[in-house]
Amino acid sequence: MRRSFNAELLAALRELPSDTALERIAISAKADSTYHPAKHRATRRWHVRTACGEFEILTTGTKWYDTRAKKGGGGAIDLTMHVLRLSFVDAVRRLIREDHGPDHS
């Protein structure tokens, strides 16, 4: 079992925009076209459904905020951990699988 990940891979996942991560990991992720951000004009509101529930997530670049749980963070790994209730290792594996397709090894 793999216990550590390549530093370059982790850096790339941490820099992955949160909206891109949501589109990869969610059953459905729909941007709210009626949302008008109050602070940063690049912020988008998403209605997201995963196997763990439904979420309303704001994204700005790599940052994200769950409006219902009142919790946020930065990076695709943390977002994946949050919406899928996964450990760090499982979140990285999920993002890798979604990026490169199923692992057949």
N, C-alpha and C. Protein backbone atom coordinates (compact mmCIF):
# COMPACT_ATOMS: atom_id res chain seq x y z
N MET A 1 0.84 -1.18 0.00
CA MET A 1 0.00 0.00 0.00
C MET A 1 0.89 1.24 0.00
N ARG A 2 0.52 2.19 -0.82
CA ARG A 2 1.30 3.42 -0.93
C ARG A 2 0.99 4.33 0.25
N ARG A 3 2.02 4.78 0.94
CA ARG A 3 1.83 5.61 2.13
C ARG A 3 2.21 7.07 1.92
N SER A 4 2.94 7.35 0.86
CA SER A 4 3.30 8.74 0.60
C SER A 4 3.12 9.03 -0.88
N PHE A 5 3.00 10.31 -1.18
CA PHE A 5 2.79 10.74 -2.56
C PHE A 5 3.90 11.68 -2.97
N ASN A 6 4.18 11.70 -4.24
CA ASN A 6 5.17 12.56 -4.84
C ASN A 6 4.83 14.03 -4.53
N ALA A 7 5.82 14.81 -4.14
CA ALA A 7 5.61 16.21 -3.77
C ALA A 7 5.04 17.04 -4.92
N GLU A 8 5.47 16.74 -6.15
CA GLU A 8 4.96 17.48 -7.30
C GLU A 8 3.48 17.19 -7.52
N LEU A 9 3.07 15.94 -7.33
CA LEU A 9 1.67 15.57 -7.46
C LEU A 9 0.83 16.31 -6.44
N LEU A 10 1.27 16.32 -5.19
CA LEU A 10 0.52 17.01 -4.13
C LEU A 10 0.43 18.51 -4.42
N ALA A 11 1.52 19.09 -4.88
CA ALA A 11 1.51 20.53 -5.20
C ALA A 11 0.51 20.81 -6.33
N ALA A 12 0.50 19.96 -7.35
CA ALA A 12 -0.43 20.15 -8.47
C ALA A 12 -1.88 20.02 -8.00
N LEU A 13 -2.17 19.06 -7.14
CA LEU A 13 -3.53 18.90 -6.63
C LEU A 13 -3.93 20.09 -5.76
N ARG A 14 -3.00 20.61 -4.99
CA ARG A 14 -3.31 21.77 -4.14
C ARG A 14 -3.58 23.02 -4.97
N GLU A 15 -3.02 23.08 -6.16
CA GLU A 15 -3.21 24.24 -7.04
C GLU A 15 -4.39 24.06 -8.00
N LEU A 16 -5.01 22.90 -8.00
CA LEU A 16 -6.16 22.64 -8.86
C LEU A 16 -7.32 23.53 -8.44
N PRO A 17 -7.90 24.30 -9.35
CA PRO A 17 -9.03 25.15 -8.98
C PRO A 17 -10.16 24.33 -8.35
N SER A 18 -10.80 24.89 -7.35
CA SER A 18 -11.85 24.18 -6.63
C SER A 18 -13.02 23.82 -7.53
N ASP A 19 -13.37 24.68 -8.49
CA ASP A 19 -14.48 24.33 -9.37
C ASP A 19 -14.14 23.13 -10.25
N THR A 20 -12.89 23.03 -10.67
CA THR A 20 -12.45 21.87 -11.45
C THR A 20 -12.52 20.61 -10.60
N ALA A 21 -12.09 20.72 -9.34
CA ALA A 21 -12.15 19.57 -8.44
C ALA A 21 -13.60 19.11 -8.24
N LEU A 22 -14.51 20.06 -8.03
CA LEU A 22 -15.91 19.70 -7.85
C LEU A 22 -16.46 18.95 -9.06
N GLU A 23 -16.13 19.42 -10.23
CA GLU A 23 -16.60 18.76 -11.45
C GLU A 23 -16.05 17.35 -11.56
N ARG A 24 -14.87 17.11 -11.02
CA ARG A 24 -14.27 15.78 -11.07
C ARG A 24 -14.88 14.82 -10.06
N ILE A 25 -15.18 15.30 -8.87
CA ILE A 25 -15.51 14.38 -7.77
C ILE A 25 -17.00 14.28 -7.45
N ALA A 26 -17.80 15.21 -7.92
CA ALA A 26 -19.22 15.23 -7.56
C ALA A 26 -20.05 14.37 -8.51
N ILE A 27 -21.16 13.86 -8.00
CA ILE A 27 -22.14 13.20 -8.86
C ILE A 27 -22.73 14.25 -9.79
N SER A 28 -23.03 15.42 -9.22
CA SER A 28 -23.45 16.55 -10.04
C SER A 28 -22.93 17.83 -9.38
N ALA A 29 -22.52 18.76 -10.21
CA ALA A 29 -22.05 20.07 -9.75
C ALA A 29 -22.54 21.09 -10.76
N LYS A 30 -23.44 21.94 -10.31
CA LYS A 30 -24.04 22.93 -11.20
C LYS A 30 -23.75 24.32 -10.67
N ALA A 31 -23.14 25.13 -11.51
CA ALA A 31 -22.87 26.52 -11.15
C ALA A 31 -24.19 27.29 -11.18
N ASP A 32 -24.37 28.16 -10.19
CA ASP A 32 -25.57 28.98 -10.08
C ASP A 32 -25.36 30.25 -10.91
N SER A 33 -26.03 30.32 -12.06
CA SER A 33 -25.84 31.46 -12.96
C SER A 33 -26.47 32.75 -12.42
N THR A 34 -27.30 32.64 -11.39
CA THR A 34 -27.94 33.84 -10.83
C THR A 34 -27.13 34.46 -9.69
N TYR A 35 -26.06 33.79 -9.28
CA TYR A 35 -25.26 34.26 -8.15
C TYR A 35 -24.41 35.47 -8.54
N HIS A 36 -24.46 36.49 -7.70
CA HIS A 36 -23.64 37.70 -7.89
C HIS A 36 -22.76 37.84 -6.65
N PRO A 37 -21.45 37.58 -6.79
CA PRO A 37 -20.55 37.61 -5.63
C PRO A 37 -20.47 38.99 -4.99
N ALA A 38 -20.36 38.97 -3.67
CA ALA A 38 -20.27 40.22 -2.91
C ALA A 38 -18.84 40.74 -2.82
N LYS A 39 -17.86 39.85 -2.77
CA LYS A 39 -16.48 40.27 -2.58
C LYS A 39 -15.64 40.16 -3.84
N HIS A 40 -15.38 38.96 -4.27
CA HIS A 40 -14.48 38.72 -5.39
C HIS A 40 -15.30 38.32 -6.61
N ARG A 41 -15.15 39.02 -7.71
CA ARG A 41 -16.00 38.76 -8.87
C ARG A 41 -15.78 37.38 -9.51
N ALA A 42 -14.68 36.72 -9.21
CA ALA A 42 -14.44 35.39 -9.75
C ALA A 42 -15.11 34.28 -8.93
N THR A 43 -15.71 34.65 -7.80
CA THR A 43 -16.38 33.66 -6.95
C THR A 43 -17.62 33.12 -7.65
N ARG A 44 -17.78 31.78 -7.54
CA ARG A 44 -18.94 31.12 -8.11
C ARG A 44 -19.63 30.30 -7.03
N ARG A 45 -20.94 30.22 -7.12
CA ARG A 45 -21.70 29.37 -6.20
C ARG A 45 -22.11 28.11 -6.95
N TRP A 46 -21.87 26.97 -6.29
CA TRP A 46 -22.17 25.67 -6.87
C TRP A 46 -23.18 24.92 -6.02
N HIS A 47 -24.08 24.23 -6.68
CA HIS A 47 -24.97 23.29 -6.01
C HIS A 47 -24.40 21.92 -6.35
N VAL A 48 -23.97 21.21 -5.31
CA VAL A 48 -23.18 20.00 -5.49
C VAL A 48 -23.87 18.81 -4.81
N ARG A 49 -23.85 17.68 -5.49
CA ARG A 49 -24.35 16.44 -4.89
C ARG A 49 -23.26 15.39 -4.97
N THR A 50 -22.97 14.77 -3.83
CA THR A 50 -22.02 13.67 -3.76
C THR A 50 -22.71 12.50 -3.08
N ALA A 51 -22.02 11.39 -2.97
CA ALA A 51 -22.56 10.23 -2.26
C ALA A 51 -22.78 10.55 -0.77
N CYS A 52 -22.18 11.62 -0.29
CA CYS A 52 -22.27 11.99 1.13
C CYS A 52 -23.29 13.11 1.39
N GLY A 53 -23.97 13.60 0.38
CA GLY A 53 -24.98 14.62 0.60
C GLY A 53 -24.95 15.73 -0.43
N GLU A 54 -25.72 16.77 -0.12
CA GLU A 54 -25.81 17.93 -0.99
C GLU A 54 -25.16 19.12 -0.30
N PHE A 55 -24.50 19.94 -1.09
CA PHE A 55 -23.71 21.05 -0.57
C PHE A 55 -23.95 22.29 -1.42
N GLU A 56 -23.78 23.45 -0.80
CA GLU A 56 -23.72 24.72 -1.52
C GLU A 56 -22.31 25.25 -1.28
N ILE A 57 -21.51 25.25 -2.31
CA ILE A 57 -20.09 25.58 -2.19
C ILE A 57 -19.78 26.84 -2.99
N LEU A 58 -19.08 27.77 -2.36
CA LEU A 58 -18.54 28.94 -3.06
C LEU A 58 -17.10 28.63 -3.42
N THR A 59 -16.69 28.95 -4.64
CA THR A 59 -15.30 28.74 -5.05
C THR A 59 -14.71 30.02 -5.60
N THR A 60 -13.45 30.23 -5.28
CA THR A 60 -12.66 31.32 -5.85
C THR A 60 -11.25 30.76 -6.01
N GLY A 61 -10.90 30.42 -7.22
CA GLY A 61 -9.59 29.80 -7.45
C GLY A 61 -9.49 28.49 -6.70
N THR A 62 -8.47 28.37 -5.87
CA THR A 62 -8.29 27.14 -5.10
C THR A 62 -9.07 27.16 -3.79
N LYS A 63 -9.62 28.31 -3.42
CA LYS A 63 -10.34 28.42 -2.15
C LYS A 63 -11.79 27.98 -2.32
N TRP A 64 -12.36 27.47 -1.22
CA TRP A 64 -13.75 27.04 -1.23
C TRP A 64 -14.37 27.28 0.13
N TYR A 65 -15.71 27.38 0.13
CA TYR A 65 -16.44 27.60 1.37
C TYR A 65 -17.79 26.91 1.26
N ASP A 66 -18.09 26.05 2.23
CA ASP A 66 -19.38 25.37 2.31
C ASP A 66 -20.30 26.27 3.12
N THR A 67 -21.29 26.87 2.46
CA THR A 67 -22.15 27.85 3.12
C THR A 67 -23.04 27.22 4.18
N ARG A 68 -23.38 25.95 4.02
CA ARG A 68 -24.26 25.29 4.99
C ARG A 68 -23.50 24.85 6.24
N ALA A 69 -22.32 24.28 6.03
CA ALA A 69 -21.51 23.82 7.17
C ALA A 69 -20.70 24.97 7.77
N LYS A 70 -20.65 26.10 7.06
CA LYS A 70 -19.85 27.25 7.49
C LYS A 70 -18.38 26.84 7.71
N LYS A 71 -17.88 26.14 6.72
CA LYS A 71 -16.50 25.65 6.77
C LYS A 71 -15.88 25.84 5.39
N GLY A 72 -14.61 26.21 5.39
CA GLY A 72 -13.92 26.40 4.12
C GLY A 72 -12.48 25.99 4.21
N GLY A 73 -11.82 26.12 3.09
CA GLY A 73 -10.42 25.76 3.04
C GLY A 73 -9.84 26.11 1.68
N GLY A 74 -8.71 25.53 1.42
CA GLY A 74 -8.04 25.77 0.15
C GLY A 74 -7.47 24.50 -0.41
N GLY A 75 -7.66 24.30 -1.68
CA GLY A 75 -7.09 23.16 -2.36
C GLY A 75 -8.07 22.02 -2.58
N ALA A 76 -7.85 21.33 -3.67
CA ALA A 76 -8.72 20.24 -4.08
C ALA A 76 -8.70 19.08 -3.09
N ILE A 77 -7.58 18.85 -2.43
CA ILE A 77 -7.50 17.74 -1.48
C ILE A 77 -8.43 17.99 -0.30
N ASP A 78 -8.35 19.17 0.29
CA ASP A 78 -9.23 19.50 1.42
C ASP A 78 -10.70 19.48 1.01
N LEU A 79 -11.00 19.98 -0.16
CA LEU A 79 -12.37 19.99 -0.66
C LEU A 79 -12.89 18.56 -0.83
N THR A 80 -12.08 17.71 -1.39
CA THR A 80 -12.46 16.30 -1.58
C THR A 80 -12.66 15.62 -0.24
N MET A 81 -11.78 15.89 0.70
CA MET A 81 -11.94 15.33 2.04
C MET A 81 -13.27 15.77 2.65
N HIS A 82 -13.63 17.02 2.45
CA HIS A 82 -14.84 17.58 3.04
C HIS A 82 -16.11 17.00 2.43
N VAL A 83 -16.26 17.08 1.11
CA VAL A 83 -17.53 16.69 0.50
C VAL A 83 -17.70 15.19 0.35
N LEU A 84 -16.60 14.44 0.42
CA LEU A 84 -16.70 12.98 0.33
C LEU A 84 -16.39 12.28 1.65
N ARG A 85 -16.05 13.09 2.68
CA ARG A 85 -15.72 12.55 4.01
C ARG A 85 -14.64 11.47 3.91
N LEU A 86 -13.55 11.84 3.26
CA LEU A 86 -12.44 10.92 3.06
C LEU A 86 -11.22 11.36 3.86
N SER A 87 -10.33 10.42 4.10
CA SER A 87 -9.03 10.74 4.69
C SER A 87 -8.18 11.43 3.63
N PHE A 88 -7.08 12.00 4.06
CA PHE A 88 -6.15 12.65 3.14
C PHE A 88 -5.72 11.68 2.03
N VAL A 89 -5.28 10.50 2.42
CA VAL A 89 -4.79 9.50 1.46
C VAL A 89 -5.89 9.12 0.47
N ASP A 90 -7.09 8.85 0.97
CA ASP A 90 -8.18 8.46 0.08
C ASP A 90 -8.61 9.60 -0.82
N ALA A 91 -8.55 10.84 -0.34
CA ALA A 91 -8.89 11.99 -1.17
C ALA A 91 -7.89 12.15 -2.31
N VAL A 92 -6.61 12.00 -2.00
CA VAL A 92 -5.58 12.09 -3.06
C VAL A 92 -5.80 10.98 -4.07
N ARG A 93 -6.04 9.76 -3.60
CA ARG A 93 -6.29 8.65 -4.52
C ARG A 93 -7.49 8.93 -5.41
N ARG A 94 -8.55 9.48 -4.84
CA ARG A 94 -9.75 9.78 -5.62
C ARG A 94 -9.45 10.82 -6.69
N LEU A 95 -8.74 11.86 -6.33
CA LEU A 95 -8.39 12.89 -7.32
C LEU A 95 -7.48 12.33 -8.41
N ILE A 96 -6.55 11.48 -8.04
CA ILE A 96 -5.67 10.85 -9.04
C ILE A 96 -6.50 10.00 -9.98
N ARG A 97 -7.39 9.20 -9.43
CA ARG A 97 -8.23 8.32 -10.24
C ARG A 97 -9.09 9.13 -11.21
N GLU A 98 -9.66 10.24 -10.73
CA GLU A 98 -10.50 11.07 -11.59
C GLU A 98 -9.69 11.78 -12.66
N ASP A 99 -8.42 12.05 -12.37
CA ASP A 99 -7.55 12.74 -13.32
C ASP A 99 -7.04 11.78 -14.40
N HIS A 100 -6.73 10.55 -13.99
CA HIS A 100 -6.08 9.62 -14.90
C HIS A 100 -6.95 8.42 -15.28
N GLY A 101 -8.17 8.38 -14.80
CA GLY A 101 -9.04 7.25 -15.08
C GLY A 101 -8.83 6.16 -14.05
N PRO A 102 -9.63 5.10 -14.11
CA PRO A 102 -9.53 4.03 -13.12
C PRO A 102 -8.16 3.39 -13.10
N ASP A 103 -7.74 3.02 -11.93
CA ASP A 103 -6.47 2.33 -11.74
C ASP A 103 -6.70 0.84 -11.95
N HIS A 104 -6.03 0.27 -12.91
CA HIS A 104 -6.23 -1.14 -13.22
C HIS A 104 -5.15 -2.03 -12.66
N SER A 105 -4.32 -1.50 -11.76
CA SER A 105 -3.24 -2.32 -11.22
C SER A 105 -3.69 -3.11 -10.02
